[in-house]
Amino acid sequence: MALTGGQIRLEHSHDGRVAHLIIDNGRYNIITMETRQVMADRFAEIDADANVQVVVIRAEGEHFTSGGDIAGFMEVEPFDLTDLGQNITAAARSPKPVVVAIDGYCFGVGLELALSADIRIATDRSRFALPEMKLGMIPGSGGTQRLARLIGLSRAKYHILTGERITGQQALDWGLTSHNCADAAELEKTLDHVVTMLLSYSPAAMRTAKEVLDRGIDGPLYTGIELERKAYSMLRATHDFAEGVAAFGEKRAPRFEGR
């Protein structure tokens, strides 16, 4: 089944356990204001679907996305832009692991979308940039904060202040991506491998790990460690942990249920 709207298709695979959000809006996959809201709406559907364990964001065509609809910004009242980053970055709030497959341009709001996900896989020819400075603007959907946390303050300042592009190899070396694939074919193979791995694990454990990582990184080390300790203790009482221990002892694959 595929749902459309706002240049985003929602499709499912692996018996419905993987939700695919596919950007499809011309050669450069421009992200309009409508696209932003549809992304949030689609994530609301996905988050409410207990059968979905993994989310994949990808795009049709030559490029992931060249960014937002520039002219469209002038049609929005300044006050309304204060909530700009809440819709396109719904992936950051989803309890499910979100994987982004990137090929070609990943600019502006497209990079902010990718930064809000958990795992970023890209091709060597991919290029990343936050070029808002060239318009007399700054990134407005989490780009300044998330990029700095991933690649370091000094590099983030340089690339945001200059708008200079980050290469596929630099993205891998700096921790912006987890894989740098030679081409689109290898990207597909790597994506399938990562998704298959995620599907084999406990949804409860993955949900908890994502929350501990995201919450802990923004606080002092002792706060993060305390959060980790309590989450570890909570998971000890789950069915999935008991199943994982039993499967290990019986030398078989575990049958996780997400509880």
Protein backbone atom coordinates (compact mmCIF):
# COMPACT_ATOMS: atom_id res chain seq x y z
CA MET A 1 0.00 0.00 0.00
CA ALA A 2 1.25 3.47 -0.89
CA LEU A 3 -0.12 6.77 0.41
CA THR A 4 0.67 10.06 -1.31
CA GLY A 5 0.52 13.70 -0.38
CA GLY A 6 2.84 16.68 -0.33
CA GLN A 7 5.31 14.94 -2.64
CA ILE A 8 5.92 12.16 -0.10
CA ARG A 9 4.88 8.53 -0.57
CA LEU A 10 4.41 6.16 2.34
CA GLU A 11 5.08 2.53 1.46
CA HIS A 12 5.63 -0.60 3.54
CA SER A 13 7.83 -3.67 3.16
CA HIS A 14 8.88 -6.71 5.21
CA ASP A 15 5.27 -7.60 6.06
CA GLY A 16 4.58 -4.04 7.12
CA ARG A 17 7.44 -3.89 9.61
CA VAL A 18 9.38 -1.29 7.59
CA ALA A 19 7.81 2.04 6.64
CA HIS A 20 9.38 3.89 3.70
CA LEU A 21 8.93 7.65 3.36
CA ILE A 22 9.89 8.51 -0.21
CA ILE A 23 10.43 12.12 -1.32
CA ASP A 24 9.32 12.49 -4.94
CA ASN A 25 9.12 16.05 -6.24
CA GLY A 26 11.06 16.44 -9.47
CA ARG A 27 14.77 16.21 -10.22
CA TYR A 28 15.88 18.09 -7.10
CA ASN A 29 13.08 16.91 -4.77
CA ILE A 30 12.37 20.38 -3.45
CA ILE A 31 10.76 20.37 -0.01
CA THR A 32 7.76 22.68 0.11
CA MET A 33 5.88 23.95 3.14
CA GLU A 34 3.25 21.32 2.39
CA THR A 35 5.93 18.61 2.32
CA ARG A 36 7.08 19.61 5.78
CA GLN A 37 3.63 19.11 7.27
CA VAL A 38 3.04 15.88 5.39
CA MET A 39 6.29 14.53 6.86
CA ALA A 40 4.95 15.17 10.35
CA ASP A 41 1.57 13.67 9.46
CA ARG A 42 3.20 10.54 8.04
CA PHE A 43 5.31 10.09 11.17
CA ALA A 44 2.20 10.40 13.31
CA GLU A 45 0.72 7.48 11.35
CA ILE A 46 3.94 5.48 11.57
CA ASP A 47 4.45 6.08 15.29
CA ALA A 48 0.90 4.90 15.98
CA ASP A 49 1.38 1.71 13.94
CA ALA A 50 2.59 -0.98 16.35
CA ASN A 51 3.54 -3.23 13.44
CA VAL A 52 6.19 -0.81 12.14
CA GLN A 53 9.62 -1.43 13.66
CA VAL A 54 11.93 0.56 11.37
CA VAL A 55 11.49 3.72 9.28
CA VAL A 56 13.44 4.48 6.09
CA ILE A 57 13.57 7.94 4.49
CA ARG A 58 14.76 8.05 0.90
CA ALA A 59 14.13 9.89 -2.37
CA GLU A 60 13.38 9.18 -5.99
CA GLY A 61 15.70 10.33 -8.76
CA GLU A 62 19.13 11.86 -9.01
CA HIS A 63 19.26 13.76 -5.70
CA PHE A 64 17.99 13.27 -2.16
CA THR A 65 16.91 16.93 -2.07
CA SER A 66 18.38 20.32 -2.93
CA GLY A 67 16.48 21.85 -0.02
CA GLY A 68 13.42 23.98 0.50
CA ASP A 69 11.15 26.03 -1.71
CA ILE A 70 12.93 29.38 -1.36
CA ALA A 71 10.13 31.54 -2.73
CA GLY A 72 7.67 29.83 -0.41
CA PHE A 73 9.30 31.33 2.65
CA MET A 74 8.14 34.82 1.64
CA GLU A 75 4.53 33.62 1.73
CA VAL A 76 4.74 32.67 5.42
CA GLU A 77 4.38 35.19 8.23
CA PRO A 78 7.56 35.55 10.35
CA PHE A 79 5.76 34.49 13.54
CA ASP A 80 4.60 31.27 11.88
CA LEU A 81 8.21 30.36 11.15
CA THR A 82 8.98 29.94 14.85
CA ASP A 83 7.56 26.40 14.67
CA LEU A 84 9.32 25.64 11.39
CA GLY A 85 11.55 22.91 12.75
CA GLN A 86 8.84 20.88 14.44
CA ASN A 87 7.38 19.17 11.38
CA ILE A 88 10.31 18.21 9.17
CA THR A 89 12.24 16.87 12.16
CA ALA A 90 9.55 14.47 13.37
CA ALA A 91 12.07 11.65 12.93
CA ALA A 92 13.94 12.86 16.02
CA ARG A 93 10.83 12.39 18.16
CA SER A 94 9.81 9.03 16.73
CA PRO A 95 10.38 6.11 19.13
CA LYS A 96 11.37 3.93 16.17
CA PRO A 97 14.85 3.83 14.58
CA VAL A 98 14.96 6.01 11.48
CA VAL A 99 17.45 5.33 8.68
CA VAL A 100 18.11 7.82 5.85
CA ALA A 101 19.49 6.73 2.47
CA ILE A 102 21.18 9.67 0.71
CA ASP A 103 22.42 9.97 -2.86
CA GLY A 104 23.38 13.25 -4.53
CA TYR A 105 22.48 16.64 -3.05
CA CYS A 106 21.46 16.84 0.61
CA PHE A 107 21.12 20.57 1.15
CA GLY A 108 19.35 22.95 3.49
CA VAL A 109 16.20 21.54 5.05
CA GLY A 110 17.05 18.20 3.43
CA LEU A 111 20.19 17.99 5.54
CA GLU A 112 18.20 19.06 8.60
CA LEU A 113 15.77 16.24 7.88
CA ALA A 114 18.66 13.79 7.63
CA LEU A 115 20.26 15.14 10.81
CA SER A 116 17.05 14.44 12.74
CA ALA A 117 17.25 10.73 11.85
CA ASP A 118 19.28 8.09 13.70
CA ILE A 119 21.40 6.50 10.98
CA ARG A 120 22.59 8.19 7.78
CA ILE A 121 23.87 6.11 4.86
CA ALA A 122 25.18 7.93 1.80
CA THR A 123 27.01 7.50 -1.48
CA ASP A 124 30.45 8.89 -2.18
CA ARG A 125 29.01 11.36 -4.69
CA SER A 126 26.65 12.81 -2.08
CA ARG A 127 27.19 16.39 -1.05
CA PHE A 128 25.94 17.99 2.17
CA ALA A 129 25.44 21.69 2.84
CA LEU A 130 23.54 24.27 4.87
CA PRO A 131 23.69 27.17 2.37
CA GLU A 132 21.18 29.49 4.08
CA MET A 133 23.87 32.13 4.69
CA LYS A 134 23.88 32.81 0.94
CA LEU A 135 20.27 34.01 1.32
CA GLY A 136 20.94 36.18 4.34
CA MET A 137 19.44 33.52 6.62
CA ILE A 138 20.50 30.74 8.99
CA PRO A 139 19.28 27.13 9.20
CA GLY A 140 15.94 27.07 11.01
CA SER A 141 15.08 23.41 11.55
CA GLY A 142 17.78 22.28 13.93
CA GLY A 143 20.70 22.49 11.52
CA THR A 144 22.98 24.67 13.64
CA GLN A 145 22.57 22.56 16.77
CA ARG A 146 22.56 19.06 15.32
CA LEU A 147 25.43 19.63 12.90
CA ALA A 148 27.62 21.08 15.68
CA ARG A 149 26.93 18.09 17.90
CA LEU A 150 27.85 15.66 15.13
CA ILE A 151 30.92 17.17 13.49
CA GLY A 152 32.13 19.58 16.19
CA LEU A 153 31.63 23.31 16.73
CA SER A 154 34.60 24.48 14.67
CA ARG A 155 33.68 22.53 11.54
CA ALA A 156 30.01 23.38 11.91
CA LYS A 157 30.76 27.08 12.18
CA TYR A 158 32.90 26.97 9.05
CA HIS A 159 30.37 25.12 6.92
CA ILE A 160 27.37 27.12 8.15
CA LEU A 161 29.09 30.50 7.86
CA THR A 162 30.48 29.75 4.39
CA GLY A 163 27.84 27.40 3.03
CA GLU A 164 30.63 25.23 1.66
CA ARG A 165 29.69 21.66 0.77
CA ILE A 166 30.78 18.59 2.71
CA THR A 167 31.89 15.65 0.58
CA GLY A 168 30.77 12.07 1.06
CA GLN A 169 34.17 11.07 2.42
CA GLN A 170 34.31 14.03 4.82
CA ALA A 171 30.81 13.17 6.06
CA LEU A 172 31.99 9.66 6.91
CA ASP A 173 35.27 10.79 8.46
CA TRP A 174 33.53 13.37 10.65
CA GLY A 175 30.72 11.12 11.84
CA LEU A 176 27.96 12.78 9.85
CA THR A 177 27.23 9.45 8.14
CA SER A 178 27.81 5.84 9.16
CA HIS A 179 28.57 4.50 5.66
CA ASN A 180 30.08 5.95 2.47
CA CYS A 181 28.92 3.72 -0.39
CA ALA A 182 30.59 3.65 -3.79
CA ASP A 183 27.34 4.05 -5.74
CA ALA A 184 23.57 3.70 -5.63
CA ALA A 185 23.73 -0.09 -5.94
CA GLU A 186 25.97 -0.38 -2.89
CA LEU A 187 23.72 2.09 -1.07
CA GLU A 188 20.76 -0.24 -1.60
CA LYS A 189 22.73 -3.25 -0.43
CA THR A 190 23.96 -1.44 2.68
CA LEU A 191 20.50 -0.11 3.47
CA ASP A 192 19.03 -3.59 3.22
CA HIS A 193 21.75 -4.95 5.52
CA VAL A 194 21.15 -2.26 8.16
CA VAL A 195 17.36 -2.64 8.04
CA THR A 196 17.64 -6.43 8.33
CA MET A 197 19.84 -6.07 11.40
CA LEU A 198 17.44 -3.63 13.06
CA LEU A 199 14.48 -5.90 12.40
CA SER A 200 16.23 -8.73 14.23
CA TYR A 201 16.50 -6.78 17.50
CA SER A 202 14.05 -5.97 20.27
CA PRO A 203 11.89 -2.92 19.46
CA ALA A 204 11.76 -2.16 23.19
CA ALA A 205 15.54 -2.17 23.50
CA MET A 206 16.01 -0.04 20.37
CA ARG A 207 13.38 2.46 21.54
CA THR A 208 15.09 2.72 24.91
CA ALA A 209 18.59 3.02 23.45
CA LYS A 210 17.46 5.85 21.14
CA GLU A 211 15.91 7.76 24.04
CA VAL A 212 18.92 7.29 26.33
CA LEU A 213 21.32 8.44 23.60
CA ASP A 214 19.26 11.47 22.59
CA ARG A 215 18.46 12.59 26.14
CA GLY A 216 21.85 11.82 27.61
CA ILE A 217 23.97 13.63 25.03
CA ASP A 218 22.42 16.99 25.93
CA GLY A 219 23.11 16.74 29.67
CA PRO A 220 26.11 16.27 31.96
CA LEU A 221 27.87 12.90 31.83
CA TYR A 222 26.60 11.83 35.26
CA THR A 223 23.01 12.55 34.20
CA GLY A 224 23.41 10.42 31.08
CA ILE A 225 24.94 7.57 33.05
CA GLU A 226 22.11 7.70 35.60
CA LEU A 227 19.56 7.64 32.78
CA GLU A 228 21.34 4.67 31.20
CA ARG A 229 21.47 2.79 34.53
CA LYS A 230 17.75 3.20 35.16
CA ALA A 231 16.84 2.26 31.59
CA TYR A 232 19.02 -0.84 31.87
CA SER A 233 17.22 -1.82 35.04
CA MET A 234 13.83 -1.28 33.41
CA LEU A 235 14.71 -3.48 30.42
CA ARG A 236 15.71 -6.27 32.80
CA ALA A 237 12.00 -6.79 33.48
CA THR A 238 10.95 -7.09 29.83
CA HIS A 239 9.85 -10.19 27.97
CA ASP A 240 12.39 -9.43 25.22
CA PHE A 241 15.37 -9.53 27.58
CA ALA A 242 14.25 -12.85 29.03
CA GLU A 243 13.75 -14.17 25.50
CA GLY A 244 17.18 -12.91 24.43
CA VAL A 245 18.89 -14.66 27.34
CA ALA A 246 16.96 -17.87 26.70
CA ALA A 247 17.75 -17.81 22.98
CA PHE A 248 21.44 -17.24 23.71
CA GLY A 249 21.54 -20.25 26.01
CA GLU A 250 19.64 -22.41 23.54
CA LYS A 251 21.77 -21.24 20.61
CA ARG A 252 18.81 -20.07 18.52
CA ALA A 253 17.54 -16.80 17.08
CA PRO A 254 15.46 -14.80 19.58
CA ARG A 255 11.79 -14.07 18.94
CA PHE A 256 11.37 -10.52 20.20
CA GLU A 257 7.91 -9.01 20.70
CA GLY A 258 8.73 -5.46 21.68
CA ARG A 259 7.63 -5.79 25.30
